[in-house]
N, C-alpha and C. Protein backbone atom coordinates (compact mmCIF):
# COMPACT_ATOMS: atom_id res chain seq x y z
N MET A 1 78.40 -89.63 14.93
CA MET A 1 79.62 -90.31 14.58
C MET A 1 80.63 -90.09 15.72
N THR A 2 81.24 -91.16 16.15
CA THR A 2 82.19 -91.06 17.25
C THR A 2 83.54 -90.57 16.72
N ASP A 3 84.39 -90.21 17.68
CA ASP A 3 85.72 -89.73 17.29
C ASP A 3 86.52 -90.83 16.59
N ASP A 4 86.34 -92.06 17.05
CA ASP A 4 87.03 -93.19 16.41
C ASP A 4 86.60 -93.35 14.95
N GLU A 5 85.31 -93.22 14.72
CA GLU A 5 84.78 -93.35 13.35
C GLU A 5 85.27 -92.21 12.48
N ARG A 6 85.28 -91.00 13.03
CA ARG A 6 85.79 -89.85 12.26
C ARG A 6 87.26 -90.03 11.92
N GLN A 7 88.01 -90.53 12.88
CA GLN A 7 89.43 -90.75 12.64
C GLN A 7 89.63 -91.81 11.55
N THR A 8 88.84 -92.88 11.60
CA THR A 8 88.93 -93.93 10.58
C THR A 8 88.57 -93.38 9.21
N LEU A 9 87.51 -92.59 9.14
CA LEU A 9 87.10 -92.00 7.87
C LEU A 9 88.16 -91.03 7.35
N THR A 10 88.73 -90.23 8.24
CA THR A 10 89.79 -89.29 7.83
C THR A 10 91.01 -90.05 7.32
N GLN A 11 91.40 -91.11 8.02
CA GLN A 11 92.54 -91.91 7.58
C GLN A 11 92.27 -92.57 6.23
N THR A 12 91.05 -93.02 6.03
CA THR A 12 90.68 -93.64 4.76
C THR A 12 90.76 -92.64 3.63
N LEU A 13 90.22 -91.45 3.85
CA LEU A 13 90.27 -90.43 2.80
C LEU A 13 91.70 -89.98 2.53
N ASP A 14 92.53 -89.91 3.57
CA ASP A 14 93.94 -89.58 3.37
C ASP A 14 94.65 -90.67 2.56
N ALA A 15 94.33 -91.93 2.87
CA ALA A 15 94.92 -93.04 2.11
C ALA A 15 94.47 -93.00 0.66
N LEU A 16 93.20 -92.68 0.44
CA LEU A 16 92.69 -92.57 -0.93
C LEU A 16 93.38 -91.44 -1.67
N ASP A 17 93.61 -90.32 -0.99
CA ASP A 17 94.33 -89.21 -1.62
C ASP A 17 95.74 -89.61 -1.99
N ARG A 18 96.43 -90.31 -1.10
CA ARG A 18 97.79 -90.78 -1.41
C ARG A 18 97.77 -91.77 -2.58
N LEU A 19 96.77 -92.64 -2.58
CA LEU A 19 96.64 -93.61 -3.67
C LEU A 19 96.42 -92.92 -5.01
N MET A 20 95.56 -91.90 -5.01
CA MET A 20 95.30 -91.15 -6.25
C MET A 20 96.57 -90.44 -6.72
N ARG A 21 97.32 -89.86 -5.80
CA ARG A 21 98.57 -89.19 -6.19
C ARG A 21 99.60 -90.19 -6.68
N MET A 22 99.63 -91.37 -6.08
CA MET A 22 100.62 -92.38 -6.46
C MET A 22 100.41 -92.84 -7.90
N PHE A 23 99.17 -92.97 -8.31
CA PHE A 23 98.88 -93.46 -9.65
C PHE A 23 98.52 -92.33 -10.63
N GLN A 24 98.88 -91.11 -10.27
CA GLN A 24 98.58 -89.97 -11.14
C GLN A 24 99.33 -90.08 -12.47
N ALA A 25 100.57 -90.51 -12.42
CA ALA A 25 101.35 -90.64 -13.66
C ALA A 25 100.71 -91.67 -14.59
N GLU A 26 100.24 -92.77 -14.02
CA GLU A 26 99.59 -93.81 -14.83
C GLU A 26 98.33 -93.25 -15.49
N ARG A 27 97.55 -92.49 -14.75
CA ARG A 27 96.34 -91.90 -15.33
C ARG A 27 96.68 -90.89 -16.42
N MET A 28 97.79 -90.18 -16.27
CA MET A 28 98.21 -89.23 -17.31
C MET A 28 98.62 -89.96 -18.58
N VAL A 29 99.27 -91.11 -18.43
CA VAL A 29 99.64 -91.91 -19.60
C VAL A 29 98.38 -92.38 -20.32
N TYR A 30 97.39 -92.83 -19.56
CA TYR A 30 96.13 -93.27 -20.18
C TYR A 30 95.41 -92.10 -20.85
N LEU A 31 95.48 -90.92 -20.24
CA LEU A 31 94.88 -89.74 -20.85
C LEU A 31 95.59 -89.40 -22.16
N ALA A 32 96.92 -89.49 -22.18
CA ALA A 32 97.67 -89.24 -23.41
C ALA A 32 97.31 -90.26 -24.48
N CYS A 33 97.12 -91.52 -24.08
CA CYS A 33 96.71 -92.55 -25.04
C CYS A 33 95.33 -92.23 -25.61
N ALA A 34 94.44 -91.74 -24.77
CA ALA A 34 93.10 -91.39 -25.24
C ALA A 34 93.17 -90.24 -26.25
N PHE A 35 94.00 -89.24 -25.97
CA PHE A 35 94.15 -88.14 -26.92
C PHE A 35 94.77 -88.61 -28.23
N ALA A 36 95.77 -89.50 -28.14
CA ALA A 36 96.40 -90.02 -29.35
C ALA A 36 95.40 -90.83 -30.18
N SER A 37 94.57 -91.60 -29.51
CA SER A 37 93.59 -92.40 -30.25
C SER A 37 92.53 -91.50 -30.89
N PHE A 38 92.17 -90.42 -30.21
CA PHE A 38 91.22 -89.48 -30.80
C PHE A 38 91.83 -88.82 -32.05
N ALA A 39 93.12 -88.48 -31.96
CA ALA A 39 93.80 -87.89 -33.12
C ALA A 39 93.84 -88.89 -34.28
N LEU A 40 94.07 -90.16 -33.96
CA LEU A 40 94.07 -91.19 -35.02
C LEU A 40 92.69 -91.32 -35.66
N LEU A 41 91.64 -91.25 -34.86
CA LEU A 41 90.29 -91.33 -35.40
C LEU A 41 90.01 -90.14 -36.33
N ILE A 42 90.41 -88.96 -35.93
CA ILE A 42 90.22 -87.76 -36.77
C ILE A 42 91.02 -87.91 -38.07
N TYR A 43 92.26 -88.38 -37.96
CA TYR A 43 93.10 -88.57 -39.13
C TYR A 43 92.48 -89.59 -40.10
N ALA A 44 91.98 -90.70 -39.55
CA ALA A 44 91.34 -91.71 -40.40
C ALA A 44 90.09 -91.15 -41.07
N GLY A 45 89.33 -90.35 -40.35
CA GLY A 45 88.14 -89.73 -40.93
C GLY A 45 88.49 -88.78 -42.06
N VAL A 46 89.53 -87.97 -41.86
CA VAL A 46 89.97 -87.05 -42.90
C VAL A 46 90.45 -87.82 -44.13
N LEU A 47 91.19 -88.91 -43.91
CA LEU A 47 91.65 -89.73 -45.05
C LEU A 47 90.48 -90.32 -45.82
N MET A 48 89.48 -90.80 -45.10
CA MET A 48 88.33 -91.40 -45.77
C MET A 48 87.55 -90.38 -46.58
N PHE A 49 87.34 -89.20 -46.01
CA PHE A 49 86.57 -88.19 -46.73
C PHE A 49 87.36 -87.59 -47.89
N SER A 50 88.67 -87.46 -47.74
CA SER A 50 89.46 -86.87 -48.82
C SER A 50 89.64 -87.84 -49.99
N SER A 51 89.75 -89.13 -49.70
CA SER A 51 89.93 -90.10 -50.79
C SER A 51 88.60 -90.56 -51.37
N GLY A 52 87.53 -90.45 -50.61
CA GLY A 52 86.23 -90.87 -51.09
C GLY A 52 86.02 -92.37 -51.09
N LYS A 53 86.95 -93.12 -50.51
CA LYS A 53 86.82 -94.57 -50.42
C LYS A 53 87.42 -95.05 -49.10
N ILE A 54 87.09 -96.26 -48.78
CA ILE A 54 87.63 -96.86 -47.55
C ILE A 54 88.55 -98.00 -47.94
N ASP A 55 89.78 -97.93 -47.43
CA ASP A 55 90.71 -99.03 -47.69
C ASP A 55 91.15 -99.67 -46.36
N PRO A 56 91.83 -100.80 -46.42
CA PRO A 56 92.21 -101.51 -45.19
C PRO A 56 93.09 -100.68 -44.24
N THR A 57 93.89 -99.79 -44.77
CA THR A 57 94.74 -98.95 -43.91
C THR A 57 93.88 -98.06 -43.02
N GLN A 58 92.87 -97.45 -43.60
CA GLN A 58 92.00 -96.57 -42.83
C GLN A 58 91.19 -97.37 -41.81
N LEU A 59 90.73 -98.55 -42.20
CA LEU A 59 90.02 -99.40 -41.25
C LEU A 59 90.93 -99.81 -40.08
N GLY A 60 92.19 -100.08 -40.39
CA GLY A 60 93.15 -100.41 -39.34
C GLY A 60 93.33 -99.25 -38.36
N LEU A 61 93.39 -98.03 -38.91
CA LEU A 61 93.49 -96.85 -38.04
C LEU A 61 92.26 -96.73 -37.14
N ILE A 62 91.11 -96.94 -37.70
CA ILE A 62 89.88 -96.80 -36.91
C ILE A 62 89.81 -97.87 -35.82
N PHE A 63 90.07 -99.13 -36.18
CA PHE A 63 90.01 -100.18 -35.17
C PHE A 63 91.11 -100.05 -34.13
N GLY A 64 92.29 -99.65 -34.56
CA GLY A 64 93.38 -99.45 -33.61
C GLY A 64 93.10 -98.32 -32.64
N ALA A 65 92.58 -97.22 -33.16
CA ALA A 65 92.29 -96.08 -32.30
C ALA A 65 91.15 -96.39 -31.33
N SER A 66 90.14 -97.08 -31.80
CA SER A 66 89.02 -97.40 -30.91
C SER A 66 89.46 -98.42 -29.84
N GLY A 67 90.33 -99.33 -30.19
CA GLY A 67 90.86 -100.27 -29.20
C GLY A 67 91.71 -99.58 -28.16
N LEU A 68 92.53 -98.63 -28.60
CA LEU A 68 93.36 -97.87 -27.66
C LEU A 68 92.49 -97.05 -26.71
N THR A 69 91.42 -96.48 -27.24
CA THR A 69 90.49 -95.73 -26.40
C THR A 69 89.85 -96.65 -25.37
N SER A 70 89.44 -97.82 -25.79
CA SER A 70 88.80 -98.77 -24.87
C SER A 70 89.74 -99.20 -23.76
N ILE A 71 90.97 -99.49 -24.10
CA ILE A 71 91.93 -99.92 -23.09
C ILE A 71 92.23 -98.80 -22.11
N ALA A 72 92.49 -97.60 -22.62
CA ALA A 72 92.82 -96.48 -21.74
C ALA A 72 91.64 -96.13 -20.84
N GLY A 73 90.47 -96.05 -21.40
CA GLY A 73 89.29 -95.73 -20.60
C GLY A 73 88.97 -96.81 -19.59
N GLY A 74 89.11 -98.05 -20.01
CA GLY A 74 88.83 -99.17 -19.12
C GLY A 74 89.75 -99.21 -17.91
N ARG A 75 91.02 -98.92 -18.12
CA ARG A 75 91.97 -98.93 -17.00
C ARG A 75 91.67 -97.81 -16.01
N VAL A 76 91.35 -96.64 -16.51
CA VAL A 76 91.03 -95.53 -15.61
C VAL A 76 89.77 -95.84 -14.82
N VAL A 77 88.76 -96.38 -15.48
CA VAL A 77 87.51 -96.73 -14.80
C VAL A 77 87.76 -97.82 -13.76
N LEU A 78 88.56 -98.82 -14.09
CA LEU A 78 88.88 -99.88 -13.14
C LEU A 78 89.56 -99.32 -11.91
N PHE A 79 90.54 -98.46 -12.11
CA PHE A 79 91.26 -97.88 -10.98
C PHE A 79 90.33 -97.06 -10.09
N LEU A 80 89.53 -96.20 -10.70
CA LEU A 80 88.62 -95.37 -9.91
C LEU A 80 87.56 -96.21 -9.21
N ASN A 81 87.09 -97.27 -9.85
CA ASN A 81 86.11 -98.16 -9.23
C ASN A 81 86.69 -98.81 -7.98
N ARG A 82 87.90 -99.28 -8.06
CA ARG A 82 88.53 -99.90 -6.89
C ARG A 82 88.74 -98.89 -5.77
N ALA A 83 89.15 -97.68 -6.12
CA ALA A 83 89.38 -96.66 -5.10
C ALA A 83 88.07 -96.30 -4.39
N PHE A 84 87.01 -96.15 -5.14
CA PHE A 84 85.74 -95.77 -4.51
C PHE A 84 85.08 -96.95 -3.80
N ASN A 85 85.38 -98.17 -4.22
CA ASN A 85 84.90 -99.34 -3.47
C ASN A 85 85.53 -99.39 -2.08
N LEU A 86 86.79 -98.97 -1.99
CA LEU A 86 87.47 -98.90 -0.70
C LEU A 86 86.74 -97.92 0.22
N VAL A 87 86.42 -96.76 -0.30
CA VAL A 87 85.70 -95.76 0.50
C VAL A 87 84.32 -96.29 0.88
N GLU A 88 83.64 -96.93 -0.05
CA GLU A 88 82.31 -97.48 0.24
C GLU A 88 82.37 -98.52 1.35
N ASP A 89 83.38 -99.39 1.33
CA ASP A 89 83.51 -100.41 2.37
C ASP A 89 83.70 -99.77 3.74
N ILE A 90 84.51 -98.74 3.82
CA ILE A 90 84.75 -98.07 5.10
C ILE A 90 83.49 -97.38 5.59
N VAL A 91 82.79 -96.69 4.70
CA VAL A 91 81.57 -95.99 5.10
C VAL A 91 80.51 -97.00 5.54
N ARG A 92 80.40 -98.11 4.84
CA ARG A 92 79.44 -99.15 5.24
C ARG A 92 79.78 -99.70 6.62
N ARG A 93 81.04 -99.92 6.84
CA ARG A 93 81.45 -100.44 8.15
C ARG A 93 81.14 -99.44 9.25
N LEU A 94 81.40 -98.16 8.99
CA LEU A 94 81.13 -97.14 10.00
C LEU A 94 79.63 -96.97 10.24
N ALA A 95 78.82 -97.20 9.20
CA ALA A 95 77.36 -97.07 9.33
C ALA A 95 76.74 -98.32 9.92
N GLY A 96 77.51 -99.39 10.08
CA GLY A 96 76.97 -100.62 10.63
C GLY A 96 76.22 -101.45 9.61
N LEU A 97 76.42 -101.16 8.34
CA LEU A 97 75.77 -101.91 7.28
C LEU A 97 76.60 -103.12 6.89
N PRO A 98 75.96 -104.14 6.31
CA PRO A 98 76.76 -105.28 5.86
C PRO A 98 77.64 -104.88 4.67
N GLY A 99 78.74 -105.60 4.49
CA GLY A 99 79.64 -105.32 3.39
C GLY A 99 79.04 -105.66 2.04
N ARG A 100 79.69 -105.19 1.00
CA ARG A 100 79.22 -105.51 -0.35
C ARG A 100 79.43 -106.98 -0.62
N ALA A 101 78.56 -107.54 -1.44
CA ALA A 101 78.74 -108.94 -1.86
C ALA A 101 79.81 -108.98 -2.93
N GLY A 102 80.79 -109.85 -2.77
CA GLY A 102 81.84 -109.98 -3.78
C GLY A 102 82.92 -109.09 -3.42
């Protein structure tokens, strides 16, 4: 690896580090949403077992909590996927490989 390639890779990793720090607050919000949705799921489960029946309120809690989990998890995965695609593109370019399709 030449000095130019090392410098490019170092700059890319530094940019990725800055990007991760910049969106750290957003990831913390999504993590808090995931914890809140898990608490809602536990609460709905306790309500169902204690009452011995399922009513629309409990179903609403379950669907709401699972939707919140999906949204929070999906956003974090999307962000990390884009960040690592950036690194993959740089490494491919440095290795002389063709870029990713799409």
